[in-house]
PDB file of N, CA and C in Angstrom:
ATOM      1  N   MET A   1      19.795 -35.035 -78.559  1.00  0.00           N
ATOM      2  CA  MET A   1      19.125 -34.267 -79.583  1.00  0.00           C
ATOM      3  C   MET A   1      18.937 -35.144 -80.818  1.00  0.00           C
ATOM      4  N   ARG A   2      19.950 -35.954 -81.150  1.00  0.00           N
ATOM      5  CA  ARG A   2      19.876 -36.809 -82.325  1.00  0.00           C
ATOM      6  C   ARG A   2      18.795 -37.867 -82.140  1.00  0.00           C
ATOM      7  N   SER A   3      18.686 -38.447 -80.949  1.00  0.00           N
ATOM      8  CA  SER A   3      17.686 -39.484 -80.722  1.00  0.00           C
ATOM      9  C   SER A   3      16.271 -38.914 -80.830  1.00  0.00           C
ATOM     10  N   THR A   4      16.087 -37.678 -80.400  1.00  0.00           N
ATOM     11  CA  THR A   4      14.769 -37.036 -80.520  1.00  0.00           C
ATOM     12  C   THR A   4      14.427 -36.842 -81.989  1.00  0.00           C
ATOM     13  N   ARG A   5      15.409 -36.397 -82.757  1.00  0.00           N
ATOM     14  CA  ARG A   5      15.185 -36.177 -84.189  1.00  0.00           C
ATOM     15  C   ARG A   5      14.879 -37.496 -84.879  1.00  0.00           C
ATOM     16  N   ASP A   6      15.633 -38.539 -84.547  1.00  0.00           N
ATOM     17  CA  ASP A   6      15.389 -39.861 -85.138  1.00  0.00           C
ATOM     18  C   ASP A   6      14.010 -40.373 -84.763  1.00  0.00           C
ATOM     19  N   PHE A   7      13.626 -40.162 -83.510  1.00  0.00           N
ATOM     20  CA  PHE A   7      12.301 -40.593 -83.060  1.00  0.00           C
ATOM     21  C   PHE A   7      11.201 -39.874 -83.832  1.00  0.00           C
ATOM     22  N   LEU A   8      11.331 -38.558 -83.947  1.00  0.00           N
ATOM     23  CA  LEU A   8      10.315 -37.778 -84.667  1.00  0.00           C
ATOM     24  C   LEU A   8      10.261 -38.175 -86.136  1.00  0.00           C
ATOM     25  N   THR A   9      11.405 -38.438 -86.737  1.00  0.00           N
ATOM     26  CA  THR A   9      11.437 -38.873 -88.138  1.00  0.00           C
ATOM     27  C   THR A   9      10.700 -40.198 -88.278  1.00  0.00           C
ATOM     28  N   GLY A  10      10.943 -41.106 -87.357  1.00  0.00           N
ATOM     29  CA  GLY A  10      10.261 -42.401 -87.389  1.00  0.00           C
ATOM     30  C   GLY A  10       8.758 -42.259 -87.232  1.00  0.00           C
ATOM     31  N   VAL A  11       8.331 -41.396 -86.303  1.00  0.00           N
ATOM     32  CA  VAL A  11       6.904 -41.198 -86.068  1.00  0.00           C
ATOM     33  C   VAL A  11       6.248 -40.611 -87.320  1.00  0.00           C
ATOM     34  N   LEU A  12       6.862 -39.588 -87.870  1.00  0.00           N
ATOM     35  CA  LEU A  12       6.296 -38.940 -89.062  1.00  0.00           C
ATOM     36  C   LEU A  12       6.257 -39.899 -90.248  1.00  0.00           C
ATOM     37  N   THR A  13       7.292 -40.698 -90.414  1.00  0.00           N
ATOM     38  CA  THR A  13       7.315 -41.678 -91.503  1.00  0.00           C
ATOM     39  C   THR A  13       6.192 -42.698 -91.310  1.00  0.00           C
ATOM     40  N   GLY A  14       6.043 -43.182 -90.082  1.00  0.00           N
ATOM     41  CA  GLY A  14       4.987 -44.158 -89.793  1.00  0.00           C
ATOM     42  C   GLY A  14       3.608 -43.581 -90.035  1.00  0.00           C
ATOM     43  N   VAL A  15       3.403 -42.344 -89.617  1.00  0.00           N
ATOM     44  CA  VAL A  15       2.101 -41.698 -89.825  1.00  0.00           C
ATOM     45  C   VAL A  15       1.840 -41.528 -91.310  1.00  0.00           C
ATOM     46  N   ALA A  16       2.848 -41.085 -92.051  1.00  0.00           N
ATOM     47  CA  ALA A  16       2.674 -40.872 -93.496  1.00  0.00           C
ATOM     48  C   ALA A  16       2.353 -42.177 -94.203  1.00  0.00           C
ATOM     49  N   ILE A  17       3.082 -43.235 -93.859  1.00  0.00           N
ATOM     50  CA  ILE A  17       2.820 -44.536 -94.491  1.00  0.00           C
ATOM     51  C   ILE A  17       1.426 -45.028 -94.128  1.00  0.00           C
ATOM     52  N   GLY A  18       1.060 -44.873 -92.860  1.00  0.00           N
ATOM     53  CA  GLY A  18      -0.267 -45.307 -92.435  1.00  0.00           C
ATOM     54  C   GLY A  18      -1.368 -44.548 -93.150  1.00  0.00           C
ATOM     55  N   LEU A  19      -1.178 -43.268 -93.321  1.00  0.00           N
ATOM     56  CA  LEU A  19      -2.207 -42.463 -93.995  1.00  0.00           C
ATOM     57  C   LEU A  19      -2.284 -42.773 -95.487  1.00  0.00           C
ATOM     58  N   LEU A  20      -1.138 -42.995 -96.094  1.00  0.00           N
ATOM     59  CA  LEU A  20      -1.119 -43.251 -97.536  1.00  0.00           C
ATOM     60  C   LEU A  20      -1.656 -44.634 -97.887  1.00  0.00           C
ATOM     61  N   THR A  21      -1.539 -45.568 -96.970  1.00  0.00           N
ATOM     62  CA  THR A  21      -2.020 -46.927 -97.267  1.00  0.00           C
ATOM     63  C   THR A  21      -3.430 -47.177 -96.751  1.00  0.00           C
ATOM     64  N   ALA A  22      -3.997 -46.216 -96.047  1.00  0.00           N
ATOM     65  CA  ALA A  22      -5.350 -46.391 -95.516  1.00  0.00           C
ATOM     66  C   ALA A  22      -6.371 -46.318 -96.667  1.00  0.00           C
ATOM     67  N   PRO A  23      -7.450 -47.085 -96.545  1.00  0.00           N
ATOM     68  CA  PRO A  23      -8.474 -47.092 -97.616  1.00  0.00           C
ATOM     69  C   PRO A  23      -9.380 -45.860 -97.525  1.00  0.00           C
ATOM     70  N   ARG A  24      -8.878 -44.732 -98.051  1.00  0.00           N
ATOM     71  CA  ARG A  24      -9.660 -43.490 -98.071  1.00  0.00           C
ATOM     72  C   ARG A  24      -9.575 -42.908 -99.472  1.00  0.00           C
ATOM     73  N   SER A  25     -10.440 -41.944 -99.687  1.00  0.00           N
ATOM     74  CA  SER A  25     -10.386 -41.242-100.974  1.00  0.00           C
ATOM     75  C   SER A  25      -9.196 -40.283-100.954  1.00  0.00           C
ATOM     76  N   GLY A  26      -8.805 -39.765-102.095  1.00  0.00           N
ATOM     77  CA  GLY A  26      -7.682 -38.844-102.197  1.00  0.00           C
ATOM     78  C   GLY A  26      -7.875 -37.593-101.355  1.00  0.00           C
ATOM     79  N   LYS A  27      -9.098 -37.036-101.410  1.00  0.00           N
ATOM     80  CA  LYS A  27      -9.384 -35.817-100.648  1.00  0.00           C
ATOM     81  C   LYS A  27      -9.305 -36.096 -99.154  1.00  0.00           C
ATOM     82  N   GLU A  28      -9.888 -37.206 -98.713  1.00  0.00           N
ATOM     83  CA  GLU A  28      -9.822 -37.554 -97.294  1.00  0.00           C
ATOM     84  C   GLU A  28      -8.381 -37.758 -96.852  1.00  0.00           C
ATOM     85  N   THR A  29      -7.595 -38.415 -97.692  1.00  0.00           N
ATOM     86  CA  THR A  29      -6.189 -38.666 -97.359  1.00  0.00           C
ATOM     87  C   THR A  29      -5.426 -37.345 -97.254  1.00  0.00           C
ATOM     88  N   ARG A  30      -5.644 -36.437 -98.228  1.00  0.00           N
ATOM     89  CA  ARG A  30      -4.967 -35.128 -98.188  1.00  0.00           C
ATOM     90  C   ARG A  30      -5.375 -34.346 -96.947  1.00  0.00           C
ATOM     91  N   ASP A  31      -6.658 -34.358 -96.636  1.00  0.00           N
ATOM     92  CA  ASP A  31      -7.137 -33.652 -95.437  1.00  0.00           C
ATOM     93  C   ASP A  31      -6.507 -34.248 -94.172  1.00  0.00           C
ATOM     94  N   LYS A  32      -6.464 -35.575 -94.141  1.00  0.00           N
ATOM     95  CA  LYS A  32      -5.884 -36.242 -92.970  1.00  0.00           C
ATOM     96  C   LYS A  32      -4.386 -35.926 -92.865  1.00  0.00           C
ATOM     97  N   LEU A  33      -3.667 -35.930 -93.989  1.00  0.00           N
ATOM     98  CA  LEU A  33      -2.239 -35.573 -93.981  1.00  0.00           C
ATOM     99  C   LEU A  33      -2.040 -34.137 -93.507  1.00  0.00           C
ATOM    100  N   LYS A  34      -2.890 -33.254 -94.000  1.00  0.00           N
ATOM    101  CA  LYS A  34      -2.802 -31.836 -93.610  1.00  0.00           C
ATOM    102  C   LYS A  34      -3.047 -31.684 -92.113  1.00  0.00           C
ATOM    103  N   GLU A  35      -4.050 -32.382 -91.627  1.00  0.00           N
ATOM    104  CA  GLU A  35      -4.382 -32.335 -90.188  1.00  0.00           C
ATOM    105  C   GLU A  35      -3.219 -32.862 -89.340  1.00  0.00           C
ATOM    106  N   GLU A  36      -2.645 -33.994 -89.750  1.00  0.00           N
ATOM    107  CA  GLU A  36      -1.517 -34.572 -89.014  1.00  0.00           C
ATOM    108  C   GLU A  36      -0.297 -33.658 -89.068  1.00  0.00           C
ATOM    109  N   ALA A  37      -0.058 -33.067 -90.245  1.00  0.00           N
ATOM    110  CA  ALA A  37       1.092 -32.166 -90.378  1.00  0.00           C
ATOM    111  C   ALA A  37       0.925 -30.959 -89.457  1.00  0.00           C
ATOM    112  N   ASN A  38      -0.262 -30.410 -89.398  1.00  0.00           N
ATOM    113  CA  ASN A  38      -0.509 -29.270 -88.507  1.00  0.00           C
ATOM    114  C   ASN A  38      -0.334 -29.665 -87.047  1.00  0.00           C
ATOM    115  N   LYS A  39      -0.837 -30.851 -86.714  1.00  0.00           N
ATOM    116  CA  LYS A  39      -0.708 -31.330 -85.339  1.00  0.00           C
ATOM    117  C   LYS A  39       0.766 -31.525 -84.979  1.00  0.00           C
ATOM    118  N   ARG A  40       1.524 -32.171 -85.863  1.00  0.00           N
ATOM    119  CA  ARG A  40       2.944 -32.434 -85.598  1.00  0.00           C
ATOM    120  C   ARG A  40       3.754 -31.140 -85.555  1.00  0.00           C
ATOM    121  N   SER A  41       3.428 -30.200 -86.422  1.00  0.00           N
ATOM    122  CA  SER A  41       4.169 -28.935 -86.397  1.00  0.00           C
ATOM    123  C   SER A  41       3.887 -28.187 -85.097  1.00  0.00           C
ATOM    124  N   GLY A  42       2.648 -28.313 -84.600  1.00  0.00           N
ATOM    125  CA  GLY A  42       2.328 -27.716 -83.298  1.00  0.00           C
ATOM    126  C   GLY A  42       3.134 -28.361 -82.187  1.00  0.00           C
ATOM    127  N   ASP A  43       3.277 -29.703 -82.243  1.00  0.00           N
ATOM    128  CA  ASP A  43       4.076 -30.409 -81.248  1.00  0.00           C
ATOM    129  C   ASP A  43       5.547 -29.969 -81.320  1.00  0.00           C
ATOM    130  N   LEU A  44       6.058 -29.828 -82.544  1.00  0.00           N
ATOM    131  CA  LEU A  44       7.446 -29.394 -82.705  1.00  0.00           C
ATOM    132  C   LEU A  44       7.641 -27.979 -82.184  1.00  0.00           C
ATOM    133  N   LYS A  45       6.665 -27.113 -82.420  1.00  0.00           N
ATOM    134  CA  LYS A  45       6.758 -25.739 -81.897  1.00  0.00           C
ATOM    135  C   LYS A  45       6.783 -25.751 -80.375  1.00  0.00           C
ATOM    136  N   ASP A  46       5.942 -26.598 -79.785  1.00  0.00           N
ATOM    137  CA  ASP A  46       5.939 -26.701 -78.322  1.00  0.00           C
ATOM    138  C   ASP A  46       7.293 -27.181 -77.807  1.00  0.00           C
ATOM    139  N   GLN A  47       7.840 -28.207 -78.457  1.00  0.00           N
ATOM    140  CA  GLN A  47       9.152 -28.708 -78.036  1.00  0.00           C
ATOM    141  C   GLN A  47      10.217 -27.632 -78.222  1.00  0.00           C
ATOM    142  N   TRP A  48      10.152 -26.908 -79.314  1.00  0.00           N
ATOM    143  CA  TRP A  48      11.105 -25.828 -79.566  1.00  0.00           C
ATOM    144  C   TRP A  48      11.020 -24.780 -78.457  1.00  0.00           C
ATOM    145  N   ASN A  49       9.788 -24.376 -78.128  1.00  0.00           N
ATOM    146  CA  ASN A  49       9.604 -23.364 -77.082  1.00  0.00           C
ATOM    147  C   ASN A  49      10.116 -23.855 -75.733  1.00  0.00           C
ATOM    148  N   LYS A  50       9.893 -25.135 -75.435  1.00  0.00           N
ATOM    149  CA  LYS A  50      10.410 -25.696 -74.186  1.00  0.00           C
ATOM    150  C   LYS A  50      11.935 -25.674 -74.187  1.00  0.00           C
ATOM    151  N   GLY A  51      12.523 -26.034 -75.321  1.00  0.00           N
ATOM    152  CA  GLY A  51      13.980 -26.016 -75.431  1.00  0.00           C
ATOM    153  C   GLY A  51      14.537 -24.611 -75.263  1.00  0.00           C
ATOM    154  N   VAL A  52      13.890 -23.641 -75.885  1.00  0.00           N
ATOM    155  CA  VAL A  52      14.327 -22.248 -75.760  1.00  0.00           C
ATOM    156  C   VAL A  52      14.221 -21.800 -74.306  1.00  0.00           C
ATOM    157  N   GLU A  53      13.155 -22.171 -73.644  1.00  0.00           N
ATOM    158  CA  GLU A  53      12.972 -21.797 -72.237  1.00  0.00           C
ATOM    159  C   GLU A  53      14.051 -22.432 -71.362  1.00  0.00           C
ATOM    160  N   GLN A  54      14.377 -23.695 -71.637  1.00  0.00           N
ATOM    161  CA  GLN A  54      15.431 -24.358 -70.876  1.00  0.00           C
ATOM    162  C   GLN A  54      16.779 -23.669 -71.085  1.00  0.00           C
ATOM    163  N   VAL A  55      17.048 -23.268 -72.315  1.00  0.00           N
ATOM    164  CA  VAL A  55      18.305 -22.562 -72.591  1.00  0.00           C
ATOM    165  C   VAL A  55      18.333 -21.232 -71.849  1.00  0.00           C
ATOM    166  N   LYS A  56      17.212 -20.516 -71.845  1.00  0.00           N
ATOM    167  CA  LYS A  56      17.136 -19.236 -71.132  1.00  0.00           C
ATOM    168  C   LYS A  56      17.383 -19.440 -69.637  1.00  0.00           C
ATOM    169  N   GLN A  57      16.763 -20.472 -69.068  1.00  0.00           N
ATOM    170  CA  GLN A  57      16.952 -20.744 -67.643  1.00  0.00           C
ATOM    171  C   GLN A  57      18.405 -21.109 -67.350  1.00  0.00           C
ATOM    172  N   GLY A  58      19.000 -21.936 -68.208  1.00  0.00           N
ATOM    173  CA  GLY A  58      20.399 -22.298 -68.028  1.00  0.00           C
ATOM    174  C   GLY A  58      21.300 -21.084 -68.121  1.00  0.00           C
ATOM    175  N   TYR A  59      21.001 -20.199 -69.058  1.00  0.00           N
ATOM    176  CA  TYR A  59      21.781 -18.970 -69.206  1.00  0.00           C
ATOM    177  C   TYR A  59      21.668 -18.107 -67.954  1.00  0.00           C
ATOM    178  N   GLU A  60      20.462 -17.949 -67.436  1.00  0.00           N
ATOM    179  CA  GLU A  60      20.257 -17.131 -66.238  1.00  0.00           C
ATOM    180  C   GLU A  60      20.983 -17.738 -65.038  1.00  0.00           C
ATOM    181  N   GLN A  61      20.940 -19.072 -64.912  1.00  0.00           N
ATOM    182  CA  GLN A  61      21.651 -19.735 -63.817  1.00  0.00           C
ATOM    183  C   GLN A  61      23.152 -19.509 -63.940  1.00  0.00           C
ATOM    184  N   ALA A  62      23.667 -19.673 -65.146  1.00  0.00           N
ATOM    185  CA  ALA A  62      25.102 -19.467 -65.353  1.00  0.00           C
ATOM    186  C   ALA A  62      25.477 -18.021 -65.067  1.00  0.00           C
ATOM    187  N   LYS A  63      24.642 -17.114 -65.503  1.00  0.00           N
ATOM    188  CA  LYS A  63      24.899 -15.685 -65.279  1.00  0.00           C
ATOM    189  C   LYS A  63      24.914 -15.379 -63.783  1.00  0.00           C
ATOM    190  N   THR A  64      23.975 -15.945 -63.045  1.00  0.00           N
ATOM    191  CA  THR A  64      23.907 -15.744 -61.599  1.00  0.00           C
ATOM    192  C   THR A  64      25.150 -16.328 -60.923  1.00  0.00           C
ATOM    193  N   GLN A  65      25.545 -17.533 -61.318  1.00  0.00           N
ATOM    194  CA  GLN A  65      26.718 -18.163 -60.718  1.00  0.00           C
ATOM    195  C   GLN A  65      27.981 -17.370 -61.017  1.00  0.00           C
ATOM    196  N   VAL A  66      28.122 -16.913 -62.246  1.00  0.00           N
ATOM    197  CA  VAL A  66      29.305 -16.118 -62.602  1.00  0.00           C
ATOM    198  C   VAL A  66      29.333 -14.841 -61.772  1.00  0.00           C
ATOM    199  N   SER A  67      28.163 -14.229 -61.607  1.00  0.00           N
ATOM    200  CA  SER A  67      28.084 -13.005 -60.804  1.00  0.00           C
ATOM    201  C   SER A  67      28.477 -13.283 -59.355  1.00  0.00           C
ATOM    202  N   GLU A  68      27.983 -14.398 -58.806  1.00  0.00           N
ATOM    203  CA  GLU A  68      28.326 -14.761 -57.428  1.00  0.00           C
ATOM    204  C   GLU A  68      29.826 -15.025 -57.291  1.00  0.00           C
ATOM    205  N   TYR A  69      30.392 -15.785 -58.243  1.00  0.00           N
ATOM    206  CA  TYR A  69      31.821 -16.078 -58.190  1.00  0.00           C
ATOM    207  C   TYR A  69      32.649 -14.805 -58.332  1.00  0.00           C
ATOM    208  N   THR A  70      32.208 -13.903 -59.195  1.00  0.00           N
ATOM    209  CA  THR A  70      32.916 -12.638 -59.385  1.00  0.00           C
ATOM    210  C   THR A  70      32.888 -11.818 -58.106  1.00  0.00           C
ATOM    211  N   ASP A  71      31.715 -11.732 -57.477  1.00  0.00           N
ATOM    212  CA  ASP A  71      31.610 -10.988 -56.221  1.00  0.00           C
ATOM    213  C   ASP A  71      32.500 -11.601 -55.145  1.00  0.00           C
ATOM    214  N   LYS A  72      32.502 -12.924 -55.077  1.00  0.00           N
ATOM    215  CA  LYS A  72      33.319 -13.617 -54.085  1.00  0.00           C
ATOM    216  C   LYS A  72      34.812 -13.355 -54.349  1.00  0.00           C
ATOM    217  N   ALA A  73      35.213 -13.406 -55.610  1.00  0.00           N
ATOM    218  CA  ALA A  73      36.610 -13.152 -55.960  1.00  0.00           C
ATOM    219  C   ALA A  73      37.003 -11.714 -55.615  1.00  0.00           C
ATOM    220  N   LYS A  74      36.113 -10.767 -55.892  1.00  0.00           N
ATOM    221  CA  LYS A  74      36.388  -9.367 -55.555  1.00  0.00           C
ATOM    222  C   LYS A  74      36.543  -9.198 -54.046  1.00  0.00           C
ATOM    223  N   GLN A  75      35.668  -9.851 -53.292  1.00  0.00           N
ATOM    224  CA  GLN A  75      35.728  -9.768 -51.835  1.00  0.00           C
ATOM    225  C   GLN A  75      37.054 -10.337 -51.327  1.00  0.00           C
ATOM    226  N   GLN A  76      37.451 -11.498 -51.848  1.00  0.00           N
ATOM    227  CA  GLN A  76      38.710 -12.100 -51.425  1.00  0.00           C
ATOM    228  C   GLN A  76      39.893 -11.212 -51.810  1.00  0.00           C
ATOM    229  N   LEU A  77      39.838 -10.635 -52.989  1.00  0.00           N
ATOM    230  CA  LEU A  77      40.911  -9.746 -53.426  1.00  0.00           C
ATOM    231  C   LEU A  77      41.023  -8.548 -52.496  1.00  0.00           C
ATOM    232  N   ASN A  78      39.881  -7.976 -52.128  1.00  0.00           N
ATOM    233  CA  ASN A  78      39.899  -6.837 -51.207  1.00  0.00           C
ATOM    234  C   ASN A  78      40.452  -7.235 -49.834  1.00  0.00           C
ATOM    235  N   GLU A  79      40.094  -8.450 -49.382  1.00  0.00           N
ATOM    236  CA  GLU A  79      40.635  -8.928 -48.110  1.00  0.00           C
ATOM    237  C   GLU A  79      42.149  -9.093 -48.197  1.00  0.00           C
ATOM    238  N   TYR A  80      42.626  -9.676 -49.294  1.00  0.00           N
ATOM    239  CA  TYR A  80      44.064  -9.855 -49.472  1.00  0.00           C
ATOM    240  C   TYR A  80      44.778  -8.508 -49.550  1.00  0.00           C
ATOM    241  N   LYS A  81      44.165  -7.556 -50.247  1.00  0.00           N
ATOM    242  CA  LYS A  81      44.762  -6.225 -50.329  1.00  0.00           C
ATOM    243  C   LYS A  81      44.837  -5.586 -48.952  1.00  0.00           C
ATOM    244  N   SER A  82      43.751  -5.743 -48.173  1.00  0.00           N
ATOM    245  CA  SER A  82      43.724  -5.183 -46.829  1.00  0.00           C
ATOM    246  C   SER A  82      44.805  -5.826 -45.962  1.00  0.00           C
ATOM    247  N   GLN A  83      44.916  -7.148 -46.043  1.00  0.00           N
ATOM    248  CA  GLN A  83      45.935  -7.848 -45.271  1.00  0.00           C
ATOM    249  C   GLN A  83      47.337  -7.412 -45.705  1.00  0.00           C
ATOM    250  N   ALA A  84      47.521  -7.275 -47.004  1.00  0.00           N
ATOM    251  CA  ALA A  84      48.833  -6.847 -47.509  1.00  0.00           C
ATOM    252  C   ALA A  84      49.140  -5.436 -47.033  1.00  0.00           C
ATOM    253  N   GLN A  85      48.124  -4.568 -47.050  1.00  0.00           N
ATOM    254  CA  GLN A  85      48.328  -3.193 -46.598  1.00  0.00           C
ATOM    255  C   GLN A  85      48.666  -3.182 -45.111  1.00  0.00           C
ATOM    256  N   ASN A  86      47.941  -3.988 -44.325  1.00  0.00           N
ATOM    257  CA  ASN A  86      48.232  -4.074 -42.889  1.00  0.00           C
ATOM    258  C   ASN A  86      49.643  -4.596 -42.663  1.00  0.00           C
ATOM    259  N   GLU A  87      50.032  -5.609 -43.428  1.00  0.00           N
ATOM    260  CA  GLU A  87      51.370  -6.165 -43.292  1.00  0.00           C
ATOM    261  C   GLU A  87      52.415  -5.122 -43.693  1.00  0.00           C
ATOM    262  N   TYR A  88      52.135  -4.388 -44.763  1.00  0.00           N
ATOM    263  CA  TYR A  88      53.046  -3.326 -45.196  1.00  0.00           C
ATOM    264  C   TYR A  88      53.160  -2.256 -44.112  1.00  0.00           C
ATOM    265  N   ASP A  89      52.004  -1.878 -43.539  1.00  0.00           N
ATOM    266  CA  ASP A  89      52.014  -0.873 -42.474  1.00  0.00           C
ATOM    267  C   ASP A  89      52.813  -1.363 -41.271  1.00  0.00           C
ATOM    268  N   LYS A  90      52.661  -2.644 -40.916  1.00  0.00           N
ATOM    269  CA  LYS A  90      53.414  -3.212 -39.798  1.00  0.00           C
ATOM    270  C   LYS A  90      54.908  -3.178 -40.090  1.00  0.00           C
ATOM    271  N   GLN A  91      55.281  -3.582 -41.302  1.00  0.00           N
ATOM    272  CA  GLN A  91      56.696  -3.581 -41.679  1.00  0.00           C
ATOM    273  C   GLN A  91      57.259  -2.166 -41.663  1.00  0.00           C
ATOM    274  N   ARG A  92      56.458  -1.219 -42.166  1.00  0.00           N
ATOM    275  CA  ARG A  92      56.908   0.172 -42.179  1.00  0.00           C
ATOM    276  C   ARG A  92      57.069   0.703 -40.760  1.00  0.00           C
ATOM    277  N   ALA A  93      56.103   0.394 -39.877  1.00  0.00           N
ATOM    278  CA  ALA A  93      56.179   0.838 -38.477  1.00  0.00           C
ATOM    279  C   ALA A  93      57.393   0.202 -37.798  1.00  0.00           C
ATOM    280  N   LYS A  94      57.629  -1.077 -38.081  1.00  0.00           N
ATOM    281  CA  LYS A  94      58.773  -1.769 -37.488  1.00  0.00           C
ATOM    282  C   LYS A  94      60.080  -1.141 -37.974  1.00  0.00           C
ATOM    283  N   SER A  95      60.122  -0.834 -39.254  1.00  0.00           N
ATOM    284  CA  SER A  95      61.305  -0.204 -39.823  1.00  0.00           C
ATOM    285  C   SER A  95      61.533   1.179 -39.209  1.00  0.00           C
ATOM    286  N   GLN A  96      60.464   1.948 -39.047  1.00  0.00           N
ATOM    287  CA  GLN A  96      60.585   3.276 -38.434  1.00  0.00           C
ATOM    288  C   GLN A  96      61.040   3.149 -36.984  1.00  0.00           C
ATOM    289  N   TYR A  97      60.485   2.173 -36.276  1.00  0.00           N
ATOM    290  CA  TYR A  97      60.887   1.935 -34.892  1.00  0.00           C
ATOM    291  C   TYR A  97      62.374   1.606 -34.830  1.00  0.00           C
ATOM    292  N   ASN A  98      62.826   0.689 -35.679  1.00  0.00           N
ATOM    293  CA  ASN A  98      64.241   0.310 -35.698  1.00  0.00           C
ATOM    294  C   ASN A  98      65.130   1.503 -36.059  1.00  0.00           C
ATOM    295  N   ASP A  99      64.672   2.293 -37.027  1.00  0.00           N
ATOM    296  CA  ASP A  99      65.450   3.492 -37.398  1.00  0.00           C
ATOM    297  C   ASP A  99      65.552   4.457 -36.218  1.00  0.00           C
ATOM    298  N   THR A 100      64.445   4.629 -35.484  1.00  0.00           N
ATOM    299  CA  THR A 100      64.438   5.523 -34.329  1.00  0.00           C
ATOM    300  C   THR A 100      65.373   4.997 -33.238  1.00  0.00           C
ATOM    301  N   VAL A 101      65.303   3.690 -32.977  1.00  0.00           N
ATOM    302  CA  VAL A 101      66.183   3.086 -31.968  1.00  0.00           C
ATOM    303  C   VAL A 101      67.647   3.255 -32.381  1.00  0.00           C
ATOM    304  N   ASP A 102      67.934   3.003 -33.662  1.00  0.00           N
ATOM    305  CA  ASP A 102      69.306   3.182 -34.157  1.00  0.00           C
ATOM    306  C   ASP A 102      69.754   4.634 -34.002  1.00  0.00           C
ATOM    307  N   GLN A 103      68.884   5.566 -34.319  1.00  0.00           N
ATOM    308  CA  GLN A 103      69.211   6.991 -34.201  1.00  0.00           C
ATOM    309  C   GLN A 103      69.467   7.355 -32.731  1.00  0.00           C
ATOM    310  N   LEU A 104      68.601   6.853 -31.827  1.00  0.00           N
ATOM    311  CA  LEU A 104      68.810   7.119 -30.407  1.00  0.00           C
ATOM    312  C   LEU A 104      70.121   6.510 -29.916  1.00  0.00           C
ATOM    313  N   ALA A 105      70.436   5.311 -30.372  1.00  0.00           N
ATOM    314  CA  ALA A 105      71.697   4.666 -29.980  1.00  0.00           C
ATOM    315  C   ALA A 105      72.869   5.481 -30.483  1.00  0.00           C
ATOM    316  N   ASP A 106      72.792   5.941 -31.723  1.00  0.00           N
ATOM    317  CA  ASP A 106      73.875   6.777 -32.272  1.00  0.00           C
ATOM    318  C   ASP A 106      74.015   8.079 -31.480  1.00  0.00           C
ATOM    319  N   ASN A 107      72.870   8.706 -31.164  1.00  0.00           N
ATOM    320  CA  ASN A 107      72.897   9.951 -30.388  1.00  0.00           C
ATOM    321  C   ASN A 107      73.476   9.706 -28.989  1.00  0.00           C
ATOM    322  N   THR A 108      73.071   8.577 -28.389  1.00  0.00           N
ATOM    323  CA  THR A 108      73.580   8.246 -27.057  1.00  0.00           C
ATOM    324  C   THR A 108      75.084   8.015 -27.107  1.00  0.00           C
ATOM    325  N   GLU A 109      75.526   7.262 -28.096  1.00  0.00           N
ATOM    326  CA  GLU A 109      76.961   6.996 -28.236  1.00  0.00           C
ATOM    327  C   GLU A 109      77.720   8.304 -28.460  1.00  0.00           C
ATOM    328  N   SER A 110      77.168   9.161 -29.276  1.00  0.00           N
ATOM    329  CA  SER A 110      77.793  10.460 -29.530  1.00  0.00           C
ATOM    330  C   SER A 110      77.859  11.294 -28.250  1.00  0.00           C
ATOM    331  N   GLY A 111      76.767  11.273 -27.471  1.00  0.00           N
ATOM    332  CA  GLY A 111      76.740  12.000 -26.193  1.00  0.00           C
ATOM    333  C   GLY A 111      77.753  11.456 -25.214  1.00  0.00           C
ATOM    334  N   ILE A 112      77.853  10.111 -25.161  1.00  0.00           N
ATOM    335  CA  ILE A 112      78.828   9.478 -24.256  1.00  0.00           C
ATOM    336  C   ILE A 112      80.246   9.867 -24.674  1.00  0.00           C
ATOM    337  N   ASN A 113      80.501   9.825 -25.973  1.00  0.00           N
ATOM    338  CA  ASN A 113      81.834  10.205 -26.465  1.00  0.00           C
ATOM    339  C   ASN A 113      82.133  11.672 -26.158  1.00  0.00           C
ATOM    340  N   SER A 114      81.138  12.525 -26.315  1.00  0.00           N
ATOM    341  CA  SER A 114      81.337  13.948 -26.002  1.00  0.00           C
ATOM    342  C   SER A 114      81.622  14.133 -24.516  1.00  0.00           C
ATOM    343  N   THR A 115      80.908  13.396 -23.687  1.00  0.00           N
ATOM    344  CA  THR A 115      81.101  13.485 -22.238  1.00  0.00           C
ATOM    345  C   THR A 115      82.486  12.991 -21.866  1.00  0.00           C
ATOM    346  N   ARG A 116      82.954  11.898 -22.447  1.00  0.00           N
ATOM    347  CA  ARG A 116      84.296  11.356 -22.181  1.00  0.00           C
ATOM    348  C   ARG A 116      85.362  12.375 -22.555  1.00  0.00           C
ATOM    349  N   GLU A 117      85.142  12.998 -23.729  1.00  0.00           N
ATOM    350  CA  GLU A 117      86.119  14.001 -24.154  1.00  0.00           C
ATOM    351  C   GLU A 117      86.145  15.175 -23.186  1.00  0.00           C
ATOM    352  N   SER A 118      84.963  15.596 -22.765  1.00  0.00           N
ATOM    353  CA  SER A 118      84.879  16.730 -21.816  1.00  0.00           C
ATOM    354  C   SER A 118      85.562  16.375 -20.526  1.00  0.00           C
ATOM    355  N   LEU A 119      85.350  15.169 -20.067  1.00  0.00           N
ATOM    356  CA  LEU A 119      85.911  14.762 -18.790  1.00  0.00           C
ATOM    357  C   LEU A 119      87.291  14.123 -18.961  1.00  0.00           C
ATOM    358  N   LYS A 120      87.684  13.901 -20.155  1.00  0.00           N
ATOM    359  CA  LYS A 120      88.949  13.266 -20.498  1.00  0.00           C
ATOM    360  C   LYS A 120      89.068  11.904 -19.843  1.00  0.00           C
ATOM    361  N   ILE A 121      88.025  11.116 -19.981  1.00  0.00           N
ATOM    362  CA  ILE A 121      88.011   9.754 -19.444  1.00  0.00           C
ATOM    363  C   ILE A 121      88.300   8.807 -20.583  1.00  0.00           C
ATOM    364  N   ASP A 122      89.239   7.868 -20.307  1.00  0.00           N
ATOM    365  CA  ASP A 122      89.561   6.892 -21.361  1.00  0.00           C
ATOM    366  C   ASP A 122      88.888   5.615 -21.113  1.00  0.00           C
TER     367      ASP A 122
END
């Protein structure tokens, strides 16, 4: 940005010096300066508009990328949540299974003990 500004300053200075030292009448010189100033201001406006357009495009690209990354992160989070829920469900089912097996073993042991007592088997 600085080099562009320095370049434009140099061009404008050169044009001004060239116009002021040219062998013309005062009115012709003023008209020529006015014409050059209008031309240069038009060029600067064009450059400004191009710069604004580039910034807008960069903003839209960044916005699109952020949106894509956000969607991807949400998708991964949902996958991780699903996996965690499945893992939790598996652990819970395993725990329930173990509790049921333990309960059946306790009931069986209790039944065996009751049968031994009934039959008086040592």
